[in-house]
Amino acid sequence: MPKPAEQKQIQQYPNLREIYIALIRNYPSYKKYQSDYETFVSQINRSDPKWLRDTRSRAATRFQELGFPTANHGNERWKYTSVAPIAHSIFKYKPSTDTDEINLDDIRHSTPHDKEWTKLVFADGCYRQDLSHIHQNGTTIVSLSSCLKDPESRILKTHLARYADFEGDGFTALNTAFLTDGAFIYVPDGIESTRPIHLVFLSTGQSQHTASYPRALIMTGRNSKLTIIESYVGLTDNPGLTNTVVEIAAGENSKIEHYRLLAESAESFHIGTTRVNLSRDSFFSSISISRGAKLARNDLNVILGAPGSGCTIKGLYITSDSQHIDNHIDIDHATPHTSSDQYFKGVLTDQSRAVFSGRVLMRKNAQKSNASQKDLNLLLSDKARVNTKPSMEIYADDVQAVHGATAGAVAEDALMYMRSRGIDKHTAMSLLVNGFTSEIIDEIKPAYLRGFVGKMFSAKGNINHI
C-alpha cells in the first residue's frame, strides 16, 4: 500500500491513481477476489433487481481501489492491528449449500440454544432453512435472498447498504460486492418481540482458506422492542475469513437489546462491522463476547441521530496463545440530549494481544449530552499485551464526559490472602478471574445465553496458560 505522501499524489494526479489501482489488481489475493466476484455475478445477476446489481458493482470497484487497510502510516483506525495476514492470503469464495452435511447436535453444542427462540442458521453466509426455526409473532423474519428476489422490495432498496458505507472501508466494500444472502428482520410499530431472535453464522471449514460474507439488516418501528443475538461459530479448525456486516436502524422510542458472540476457530480471521442508527428516544444496548479467532475485529459505530437517543455498549474478551482481538467502538453524539456508556473488560494470557479503541464524538450541537468510557484489562502473562485508547472529541460546552483505562496483573495481596486461607493457587486464580469477568456476564439477560457464556469463559481452562 502507498505511503500518505504517495496517496496525496495519487489523488492529485489521476494517472498515478490509475497506476496504483492497476498495481493492486495484480496482487494474487486481489486477483482471486476479482475472479470470484466475476464468477459470482455471472451466476446470480439475471434474477436480481438492477439497484442491487449496481450496488454490488460499485462496491467491487471501490474494493479494488481501496484494498485492505495495510498502510503503516496515516492509518489511525488500524494503528494497533495489522491485517497483512489477511491481505497476503488467498481466500476463495465458496457459498454453502443445503447439501453440506451439518450436524444439528454440533450446532447446539457450539452455540447457546433455547427451543423457544427464533433461530436463523447461515452456513458460510447462506441461509439454511432446514436448520432454522422461526416464530414470526407479528415481525418479519426472513432471509435476504428471499426478499432480494422481489424487484419491488422498496424497503431493502431504501435501507440496505445505507448505514454501512463502503466508500471508505475495504472490508465493507468486499462484503457488499458479494451481497446475496443474510438476515432481514423488521419489527413493526408497537410490536414487542418477546422471543429472542438468534442469528447463527457458521463457518463450516469444508476446505481451507475460504471466505464468507454474512449480512444482516435489522429494523424496528416506533414504540417496538427487540432482542437479537448474533453467534459466529467455526465448526472446524481450518483457517478461513469471515467478513460480516450488520446494519441496525431503530425507530422512534424503540428498544433494541443486542448480543454478539464470537467463538470461531483459533486459525480463523474475523472482521465484524456493525453500524447502528438511532432515532428520537430510541435505545440500543449491546454486549459483545469474544473467545476465539486468530485475528478478530469488532468494529461498531453508533449514531445517536436524534434527541433522547442513547446506548450502552459493553464487551468481554479473553485471548490466549497468539490471538489478537480488536474492539473498535465509535459513538457519534450528533444531536443534543443523548447518552452513551462504554464498558469493556479483557483477560489476556500467553503471547496474545488485545486492542480497545473507543472514540466518542460530541458534536457542537450535542448539548446536554453525557458519555462515559472504561476499559479494564487483566494480564495473566508477562508476554501478553494490550493497547487501549479511549478518546473523546468534544465540541459542545454543556456536556458531561469521563473516560479511563487500566491494565495490570492479578493483585498479589488478594492472591496471598486466599492462599493463606488454604486455597490452592489454581483455584484462587480461577476465583479472581471469574470475579473479574462475571460483572459483564451477569448483565446478559437471556438465561441460556448467560449460562453458555459463563461456561465458555470459565477460568478453569484459561489460567493454565500462566
Protein backbone atom coordinates (compact mmCIF):
# COMPACT_ATOMS: atom_id res chain seq x y z
CA MET A 1 0.00 0.00 0.00
CA PRO A 2 1.30 3.56 -0.72
CA LYS A 3 2.52 5.93 1.97
CA PRO A 4 0.46 9.06 2.83
CA ALA A 5 2.61 11.28 0.60
CA GLU A 6 2.11 8.84 -2.27
CA GLN A 7 -1.63 8.70 -1.60
CA LYS A 8 -1.79 12.51 -1.86
CA GLN A 9 0.00 12.38 -5.21
CA ILE A 10 -2.41 9.70 -6.41
CA GLN A 11 -5.35 11.94 -5.54
CA GLN A 12 -3.80 14.93 -7.33
CA TYR A 13 -2.77 13.11 -10.46
CA PRO A 14 -5.37 10.73 -11.93
CA ASN A 15 -2.78 8.87 -13.98
CA LEU A 16 -0.89 7.89 -10.82
CA ARG A 17 -4.16 6.72 -9.29
CA GLU A 18 -4.83 4.54 -12.28
CA ILE A 19 -1.34 3.05 -11.99
CA TYR A 20 -1.88 2.37 -8.28
CA ILE A 21 -5.20 0.64 -8.91
CA ALA A 22 -3.59 -1.45 -11.62
CA LEU A 23 -0.81 -2.48 -9.21
CA ILE A 24 -3.35 -3.56 -6.56
CA ARG A 25 -5.30 -5.60 -9.08
CA ASN A 26 -2.14 -7.53 -9.88
CA TYR A 27 -1.71 -8.81 -6.31
CA PRO A 28 -2.52 -12.56 -6.29
CA SER A 29 -5.05 -12.23 -3.46
CA TYR A 30 -6.85 -9.33 -5.14
CA LYS A 31 -6.92 -11.21 -8.43
CA LYS A 32 -8.64 -14.07 -6.63
CA TYR A 33 -11.30 -11.76 -5.18
CA GLN A 34 -11.90 -10.25 -8.61
CA SER A 35 -12.10 -13.68 -10.24
CA ASP A 36 -14.52 -14.94 -7.59
CA TYR A 37 -16.64 -11.80 -7.97
CA GLU A 38 -16.90 -12.23 -11.73
CA THR A 39 -17.97 -15.85 -11.29
CA PHE A 40 -20.42 -14.82 -8.57
CA VAL A 41 -22.23 -12.15 -10.62
CA SER A 42 -22.36 -14.34 -13.71
CA GLN A 43 -24.37 -16.91 -11.77
CA ILE A 44 -26.94 -14.74 -9.99
CA ASN A 45 -27.22 -11.36 -11.68
CA ARG A 46 -30.03 -12.30 -14.03
CA SER A 47 -32.64 -12.68 -11.29
CA ASP A 48 -31.64 -9.75 -9.07
CA PRO A 49 -33.03 -6.20 -9.26
CA LYS A 50 -30.93 -3.59 -11.05
CA TRP A 51 -30.34 -1.48 -7.95
CA LEU A 52 -28.70 -4.44 -6.23
CA ARG A 53 -26.52 -5.28 -9.21
CA ASP A 54 -25.42 -1.64 -9.39
CA THR A 55 -24.63 -1.60 -5.65
CA ARG A 56 -22.52 -4.72 -5.95
CA SER A 57 -20.67 -3.34 -8.94
CA ARG A 58 -19.85 -0.05 -7.21
CA ALA A 59 -18.68 -1.90 -4.10
CA ALA A 60 -16.46 -4.25 -6.11
CA THR A 61 -14.85 -1.31 -7.88
CA ARG A 62 -14.37 0.50 -4.61
CA PHE A 63 -12.68 -2.52 -3.05
CA GLN A 64 -10.24 -2.69 -5.93
CA GLU A 65 -9.45 0.99 -5.32
CA LEU A 66 -9.18 0.82 -1.54
CA GLY A 67 -7.78 -2.63 -0.94
CA PHE A 68 -7.22 -3.65 2.68
CA PRO A 69 -6.02 -1.11 5.29
CA THR A 70 -2.40 -2.28 5.45
CA ALA A 71 -0.62 1.10 5.46
CA ASN A 72 1.79 1.60 8.36
CA HIS A 73 1.32 5.37 8.47
CA GLY A 74 -1.76 7.57 8.32
CA ASN A 75 -3.94 4.61 9.26
CA GLU A 76 -5.19 5.56 12.72
CA ARG A 77 -8.25 3.28 12.72
CA TRP A 78 -5.98 0.23 12.31
CA LYS A 79 -2.96 1.53 14.19
CA TYR A 80 -2.58 -1.46 16.53
CA THR A 81 -3.99 -4.19 14.27
CA SER A 82 -2.20 -5.45 11.19
CA VAL A 83 -4.40 -7.05 8.57
CA ALA A 84 -1.39 -8.05 6.47
CA PRO A 85 -2.06 -11.77 7.19
CA ILE A 86 -5.46 -11.33 5.53
CA ALA A 87 -4.20 -9.21 2.64
CA HIS A 88 -1.36 -11.63 1.87
CA SER A 89 -3.52 -14.75 2.00
CA ILE A 90 -5.79 -16.06 -0.72
CA PHE A 91 -9.32 -16.80 0.48
CA LYS A 92 -11.75 -18.22 -2.05
CA TYR A 93 -15.49 -17.66 -2.09
CA LYS A 94 -17.44 -20.88 -1.72
CA PRO A 95 -21.07 -20.47 -0.69
CA SER A 96 -22.51 -23.33 1.28
CA THR A 97 -25.48 -25.28 0.00
CA ASP A 98 -28.17 -27.42 1.58
CA THR A 99 -26.17 -30.47 0.55
CA ASP A 100 -23.38 -29.62 3.01
CA GLU A 101 -23.56 -32.02 5.91
CA ILE A 102 -24.03 -30.13 9.18
CA ASN A 103 -24.89 -31.94 12.37
CA LEU A 104 -27.66 -30.19 14.30
CA ASP A 105 -26.23 -31.53 17.55
CA ASP A 106 -22.93 -29.84 16.76
CA ILE A 107 -24.76 -26.53 16.37
CA ARG A 108 -26.49 -26.94 19.71
CA HIS A 109 -23.19 -27.81 21.35
CA SER A 110 -21.36 -24.86 19.78
CA THR A 111 -23.99 -22.16 20.32
CA PRO A 112 -26.47 -21.16 23.04
CA HIS A 113 -29.75 -22.93 22.43
CA ASP A 114 -33.30 -22.38 23.61
CA LYS A 115 -36.15 -24.07 21.76
CA GLU A 116 -38.32 -21.02 22.43
CA TRP A 117 -36.02 -18.72 20.48
CA THR A 118 -36.44 -17.91 16.83
CA LYS A 119 -33.34 -19.22 15.08
CA LEU A 120 -31.96 -18.45 11.62
CA VAL A 121 -28.93 -20.52 10.63
CA PHE A 122 -26.47 -19.49 7.93
CA ALA A 123 -23.68 -21.74 6.67
CA ASP A 124 -20.82 -19.75 5.14
CA GLY A 125 -23.19 -16.81 4.76
CA CYS A 126 -26.03 -18.77 3.10
CA TYR A 127 -29.40 -19.38 4.72
CA ARG A 128 -30.21 -22.93 5.81
CA GLN A 129 -33.96 -23.34 6.16
CA ASP A 130 -33.58 -26.97 7.22
CA LEU A 131 -31.62 -25.92 10.31
CA SER A 132 -33.71 -22.85 11.20
CA HIS A 133 -36.77 -22.43 13.39
CA ILE A 134 -38.87 -19.27 13.04
CA HIS A 135 -41.66 -17.75 15.16
CA GLN A 136 -42.93 -14.66 13.32
CA ASN A 137 -45.05 -13.20 16.17
CA GLY A 138 -46.00 -10.14 14.14
CA THR A 139 -42.46 -9.49 12.96
CA THR A 140 -40.82 -10.04 9.59
CA ILE A 141 -38.01 -12.60 9.95
CA VAL A 142 -36.73 -13.86 6.62
CA SER A 143 -33.58 -14.45 4.63
CA LEU A 144 -32.29 -11.62 2.50
CA SER A 145 -32.13 -13.92 -0.52
CA SER A 146 -35.90 -14.42 -0.46
CA CYS A 147 -36.52 -10.65 -0.28
CA LEU A 148 -33.94 -9.72 -2.89
CA LYS A 149 -35.78 -11.80 -5.48
CA ASP A 150 -38.60 -9.27 -5.34
CA PRO A 151 -37.73 -6.33 -7.64
CA GLU A 152 -40.30 -4.21 -5.82
CA SER A 153 -38.73 -4.67 -2.40
CA ARG A 154 -38.60 -0.98 -1.63
CA ILE A 155 -37.60 -1.29 2.00
CA LEU A 156 -34.41 -3.11 1.06
CA LYS A 157 -33.68 -0.69 -1.74
CA THR A 158 -34.03 2.19 0.71
CA HIS A 159 -32.11 0.78 3.67
CA LEU A 160 -29.72 -1.99 2.57
CA ALA A 161 -26.12 -0.72 2.32
CA ARG A 162 -27.26 2.72 3.55
CA TYR A 163 -25.84 2.60 7.09
CA ALA A 164 -22.68 0.60 6.36
CA ASP A 165 -20.93 2.89 3.89
CA PHE A 166 -18.48 1.03 1.67
CA GLU A 167 -16.90 4.12 0.13
CA GLY A 168 -14.21 4.39 2.80
CA ASP A 169 -13.83 0.82 4.05
CA GLY A 170 -12.33 -2.04 2.05
CA PHE A 171 -13.83 -4.82 4.16
CA THR A 172 -17.35 -3.39 3.90
CA ALA A 173 -16.89 -2.90 0.17
CA LEU A 174 -15.81 -6.52 -0.25
CA ASN A 175 -18.79 -7.78 1.76
CA THR A 176 -21.20 -5.64 -0.27
CA ALA A 177 -19.71 -6.84 -3.55
CA PHE A 178 -20.72 -10.40 -2.59
CA LEU A 179 -24.07 -9.42 -1.06
CA THR A 180 -26.54 -12.17 -1.82
CA ASP A 181 -27.93 -13.57 1.43
CA GLY A 182 -28.28 -12.93 5.13
CA ALA A 183 -30.99 -11.99 7.60
CA PHE A 184 -33.71 -9.38 7.30
CA ILE A 185 -35.61 -8.56 10.48
CA TYR A 186 -38.30 -5.91 10.75
CA VAL A 187 -40.37 -5.22 13.87
CA PRO A 188 -43.44 -3.09 13.01
CA ASP A 189 -44.72 -0.15 15.05
CA GLY A 190 -45.96 -1.07 18.51
CA ILE A 191 -44.77 -4.69 18.39
CA GLU A 192 -42.73 -6.08 21.27
CA SER A 193 -40.85 -9.19 20.14
CA THR A 194 -40.94 -11.39 23.24
CA ARG A 195 -38.71 -14.17 21.88
CA PRO A 196 -35.02 -13.51 21.27
CA ILE A 197 -34.06 -13.85 17.61
CA HIS A 198 -30.86 -15.86 17.25
CA LEU A 199 -28.77 -15.45 14.09
CA VAL A 200 -26.30 -18.33 13.86
CA PHE A 201 -23.48 -17.78 11.36
CA LEU A 202 -21.46 -20.96 10.84
CA SER A 203 -18.06 -21.23 9.23
CA THR A 204 -18.16 -24.80 8.02
CA GLY A 205 -14.49 -25.07 7.07
CA GLN A 206 -15.33 -27.59 4.33
CA SER A 207 -11.99 -26.64 2.81
CA GLN A 208 -9.14 -24.41 3.89
CA HIS A 209 -8.84 -20.68 3.19
CA THR A 210 -12.45 -19.97 2.26
CA ALA A 211 -14.18 -16.61 2.67
CA SER A 212 -17.77 -15.94 3.69
CA TYR A 213 -19.69 -12.66 3.75
CA PRO A 214 -22.58 -12.79 6.24
CA ARG A 215 -25.01 -9.88 6.15
CA ALA A 216 -27.96 -8.67 8.22
CA LEU A 217 -30.38 -5.76 8.10
CA ILE A 218 -32.34 -5.19 11.33
CA MET A 219 -35.04 -2.52 11.63
CA THR A 220 -37.54 -1.59 14.33
CA GLY A 221 -40.64 0.58 14.07
CA ARG A 222 -41.93 3.12 16.56
CA ASN A 223 -42.56 2.00 20.16
CA SER A 224 -41.24 -1.51 19.49
CA LYS A 225 -38.83 -3.86 21.26
CA LEU A 226 -36.40 -6.49 20.00
CA THR A 227 -33.81 -8.87 21.44
CA ILE A 228 -31.27 -10.04 18.89
CA ILE A 229 -28.37 -12.48 19.33
CA GLU A 230 -25.58 -12.98 16.78
CA SER A 231 -23.38 -16.09 17.09
CA TYR A 232 -20.31 -16.63 14.92
CA VAL A 233 -19.04 -20.19 15.25
CA GLY A 234 -16.42 -22.28 13.49
CA LEU A 235 -17.16 -25.97 13.03
CA THR A 236 -13.59 -26.96 12.12
CA ASP A 237 -10.05 -25.74 12.76
CA ASN A 238 -9.41 -24.91 9.10
CA PRO A 239 -8.28 -21.31 8.51
CA GLY A 240 -10.80 -19.02 6.84
CA LEU A 241 -12.10 -15.45 6.63
CA THR A 242 -15.46 -14.28 7.94
CA ASN A 243 -16.19 -10.73 6.78
CA THR A 244 -19.55 -9.72 8.20
CA VAL A 245 -21.68 -6.56 8.01
CA VAL A 246 -24.73 -5.85 10.18
CA GLU A 247 -26.90 -2.74 9.77
CA ILE A 248 -29.35 -1.73 12.51
CA ALA A 249 -31.90 1.09 12.33
CA ALA A 250 -34.00 1.82 15.41
CA GLY A 251 -37.34 3.58 15.07
CA GLU A 252 -38.63 6.28 17.39
CA ASN A 253 -38.90 5.20 21.05
CA SER A 254 -37.86 1.63 20.21
CA LYS A 255 -35.59 -0.55 22.35
CA ILE A 256 -33.04 -3.00 20.94
CA GLU A 257 -31.20 -5.48 23.15
CA HIS A 258 -28.23 -6.85 21.20
CA TYR A 259 -25.69 -9.60 21.89
CA ARG A 260 -22.73 -10.62 19.76
CA LEU A 261 -20.92 -13.90 20.42
CA LEU A 262 -17.65 -14.72 18.65
CA ALA A 263 -16.45 -18.32 19.03
CA GLU A 264 -14.67 -19.14 15.80
CA SER A 265 -11.66 -21.43 15.40
CA ALA A 266 -8.18 -20.49 16.60
CA GLU A 267 -6.94 -20.31 12.98
CA SER A 268 -9.72 -18.11 11.60
CA PHE A 269 -9.83 -14.41 10.70
CA HIS A 270 -12.93 -12.43 11.61
CA ILE A 271 -13.80 -8.86 10.64
CA GLY A 272 -17.16 -7.76 12.07
CA THR A 273 -18.68 -4.43 11.04
CA THR A 274 -21.82 -3.18 12.79
CA ARG A 275 -23.49 0.13 12.03
CA VAL A 276 -26.35 1.42 14.20
CA ASN A 277 -28.57 4.45 13.61
CA LEU A 278 -30.85 5.61 16.44
CA SER A 279 -33.97 7.76 16.17
CA ARG A 280 -35.62 10.00 18.78
CA ASP A 281 -35.89 8.42 22.26
CA SER A 282 -34.64 5.04 20.99
CA PHE A 283 -32.16 2.97 22.99
CA PHE A 284 -29.59 0.39 21.92
CA SER A 285 -27.83 -1.90 24.40
CA SER A 286 -25.14 -4.29 23.25
CA ILE A 287 -22.85 -6.86 24.85
CA SER A 288 -20.11 -8.43 22.73
CA ILE A 289 -18.43 -11.64 23.82
CA SER A 290 -15.17 -12.72 22.15
CA ARG A 291 -13.41 -16.04 22.74
CA GLY A 292 -11.84 -17.20 19.52
CA ALA A 293 -10.20 -16.40 16.16
CA LYS A 294 -6.57 -15.85 15.33
CA LEU A 295 -7.32 -12.24 14.43
CA ALA A 296 -10.67 -10.63 15.20
CA ARG A 297 -12.07 -7.14 14.90
CA ASN A 298 -15.34 -5.87 16.36
CA ASP A 299 -15.96 -2.57 14.55
CA LEU A 300 -19.08 -0.93 15.99
CA ASN A 301 -20.35 2.53 15.12
CA VAL A 302 -23.47 4.02 16.74
CA ILE A 303 -25.00 7.30 15.58
CA LEU A 304 -27.20 8.98 18.18
CA GLY A 305 -29.16 10.69 15.46
CA ALA A 306 -31.99 12.35 17.40
CA PRO A 307 -32.63 13.87 20.86
CA GLY A 308 -33.33 11.38 23.61
CA SER A 309 -31.45 8.51 21.95
CA GLY A 310 -28.90 6.54 23.94
CA CYS A 311 -26.75 3.42 24.01
CA THR A 312 -24.90 1.15 26.40
CA ILE A 313 -22.01 -0.78 24.83
CA LYS A 314 -20.30 -3.48 26.87
CA GLY A 315 -17.84 -6.21 26.00
CA LEU A 316 -15.81 -9.09 27.37
CA TYR A 317 -12.92 -10.86 25.69
CA ILE A 318 -10.36 -13.50 26.60
CA THR A 319 -7.27 -14.09 24.49
CA SER A 320 -4.72 -16.91 24.62
CA ASP A 321 -1.81 -18.30 22.62
CA SER A 322 -1.05 -15.69 19.91
CA GLN A 323 -4.61 -14.48 19.37
CA HIS A 324 -5.35 -10.85 18.55
CA ILE A 325 -8.72 -9.25 19.34
CA ASP A 326 -9.54 -5.64 18.45
CA ASN A 327 -12.62 -3.76 19.70
CA HIS A 328 -13.08 -0.52 17.77
CA ILE A 329 -16.07 1.39 19.15
CA ASP A 330 -17.19 4.72 17.69
CA ILE A 331 -20.10 6.67 19.22
CA ASP A 332 -21.37 9.79 17.46
CA HIS A 333 -23.44 12.21 19.57
CA ALA A 334 -24.95 14.02 16.61
CA THR A 335 -27.79 15.74 18.50
CA PRO A 336 -28.49 17.20 21.97
CA HIS A 337 -29.84 15.26 24.97
CA THR A 338 -28.13 11.98 24.06
CA SER A 339 -26.24 9.49 26.23
CA SER A 340 -23.69 6.73 25.80
CA ASP A 341 -21.78 4.35 28.05
CA GLN A 342 -18.92 2.05 27.06
CA TYR A 343 -17.54 -0.60 29.41
CA PHE A 344 -15.16 -3.35 28.27
CA LYS A 345 -13.15 -5.97 30.12
CA GLY A 346 -10.39 -8.24 28.85
CA VAL A 347 -8.37 -11.19 30.16
CA LEU A 348 -5.12 -11.89 28.31
CA THR A 349 -2.79 -14.89 28.57
CA ASP A 350 0.27 -16.30 26.79
CA GLN A 351 1.55 -14.04 23.97
CA SER A 352 -1.85 -12.75 22.98
CA ARG A 353 -2.79 -9.20 22.09
CA ALA A 354 -5.88 -7.07 22.58
CA VAL A 355 -6.87 -3.63 21.36
CA PHE A 356 -9.55 -1.28 22.64
CA SER A 357 -10.00 1.95 20.71
CA GLY A 358 -13.15 3.65 21.88
CA ARG A 359 -13.99 7.06 20.46
CA VAL A 360 -16.79 9.40 21.47
CA LEU A 361 -17.60 12.32 19.21
CA MET A 362 -19.72 15.04 20.79
CA ARG A 363 -20.63 17.48 18.05
CA LYS A 364 -21.15 21.19 18.55
CA ASN A 365 -24.92 20.84 18.83
CA ALA A 366 -24.77 17.84 21.21
CA GLN A 367 -25.55 19.99 24.25
CA LYS A 368 -26.92 18.43 27.44
CA SER A 369 -25.41 15.06 26.49
CA ASN A 370 -23.34 12.67 28.59
CA ALA A 371 -20.84 9.95 27.79
CA SER A 372 -18.53 7.57 29.64
CA GLN A 373 -15.82 5.10 28.62
CA LYS A 374 -13.98 2.45 30.62
CA ASP A 375 -11.69 -0.38 29.59
CA LEU A 376 -10.21 -2.75 32.19
CA ASN A 377 -7.70 -5.48 31.37
CA LEU A 378 -6.26 -8.36 33.38
CA LEU A 379 -2.87 -9.63 32.16
CA LEU A 380 -2.12 -13.19 33.22
CA SER A 381 1.18 -13.41 31.37
CA ASP A 382 4.29 -11.24 31.16
CA LYS A 383 4.19 -11.57 27.38
CA ALA A 384 0.56 -10.57 26.90
CA ARG A 385 -0.01 -7.03 25.64
CA VAL A 386 -2.96 -4.66 25.36
CA ASN A 387 -3.24 -1.36 23.53
CA THR A 388 -6.08 0.66 24.98
CA LYS A 389 -7.03 4.06 23.66
CA PRO A 390 -10.25 5.59 24.96
CA SER A 391 -10.70 9.01 23.40
CA MET A 392 -13.21 11.82 23.28
CA GLU A 393 -13.65 14.62 20.80
CA ILE A 394 -15.83 17.26 22.43
CA TYR A 395 -17.06 20.33 20.56
CA ALA A 396 -20.04 21.13 22.81
CA ASP A 397 -19.62 23.12 26.03
CA ASP A 398 -22.55 21.80 28.09
CA VAL A 399 -21.86 18.07 28.39
CA GLN A 400 -20.66 15.50 30.91
CA ALA A 401 -17.91 13.15 29.82
CA VAL A 402 -15.46 10.82 31.53
CA HIS A 403 -13.13 8.06 30.36
CA GLY A 404 -10.37 5.80 31.65
CA ALA A 405 -8.45 2.56 31.13
CA THR A 406 -6.34 0.19 33.21
CA ALA A 407 -4.17 -2.86 32.59
CA GLY A 408 -2.47 -4.97 35.24
CA ALA A 409 -1.87 -8.36 36.77
CA VAL A 410 -3.90 -10.11 39.46
CA ALA A 411 -3.43 -8.30 42.76
CA GLU A 412 -0.80 -10.20 44.76
CA ASP A 413 -2.34 -9.27 48.12
CA ALA A 414 -5.70 -10.76 47.09
CA LEU A 415 -3.98 -13.92 45.89
CA MET A 416 -1.90 -14.21 49.07
CA TYR A 417 -4.99 -13.69 51.23
CA MET A 418 -6.80 -16.57 49.54
CA ARG A 419 -3.71 -18.80 49.73
CA SER A 420 -3.45 -18.08 53.45
CA ARG A 421 -6.97 -19.47 53.81
CA GLY A 422 -5.89 -22.83 52.40
CA ILE A 423 -7.00 -22.24 48.80
CA ASP A 424 -4.52 -23.55 46.22
CA LYS A 425 -3.09 -21.15 43.64
CA HIS A 426 -5.03 -22.58 40.71
CA THR A 427 -8.40 -22.32 42.46
CA ALA A 428 -7.60 -18.90 43.90
CA MET A 429 -6.67 -17.57 40.48
CA SER A 430 -9.85 -19.07 39.00
CA LEU A 431 -12.00 -17.34 41.59
CA LEU A 432 -10.34 -13.98 40.99
CA VAL A 433 -10.64 -14.22 37.21
CA ASN A 434 -14.25 -15.37 37.43
CA GLY A 435 -15.00 -12.45 39.71
CA PHE A 436 -13.46 -10.09 37.17
CA THR A 437 -15.46 -11.43 34.21
CA SER A 438 -18.77 -12.02 35.99
CA GLU A 439 -19.61 -8.31 36.09
CA ILE A 440 -20.19 -8.36 32.32
CA ILE A 441 -21.61 -11.89 32.10
CA ASP A 442 -24.23 -11.14 34.77
CA GLU A 443 -25.58 -8.34 32.55
CA ILE A 444 -26.69 -10.88 29.90
CA LYS A 445 -30.46 -11.24 30.25
CA PRO A 446 -31.35 -14.37 28.22
CA ALA A 447 -30.69 -17.19 30.68
CA TYR A 448 -29.45 -19.77 28.15
CA LEU A 449 -27.02 -17.28 26.64
CA ARG A 450 -25.75 -16.22 30.07
CA GLY A 451 -25.19 -19.85 31.08
CA PHE A 452 -23.43 -20.68 27.80
CA VAL A 453 -21.09 -17.69 28.09
CA GLY A 454 -20.41 -18.47 31.74
CA LYS A 455 -19.20 -21.96 30.82
CA MET A 456 -17.24 -20.68 27.84
CA PHE A 457 -15.44 -18.12 29.96
CA SER A 458 -14.83 -20.39 32.92
CA ALA A 459 -11.36 -19.59 34.24
CA LYS A 460 -10.53 -23.25 34.90
CA GLY A 461 -9.03 -23.67 31.46
CA ASN A 462 -7.85 -20.11 30.99
CA ILE A 463 -5.35 -19.87 33.82
CA ASN A 464 -3.41 -22.94 32.74
CA HIS A 465 -1.50 -20.57 30.48
CA ILE A 466 0.06 -18.64 33.38
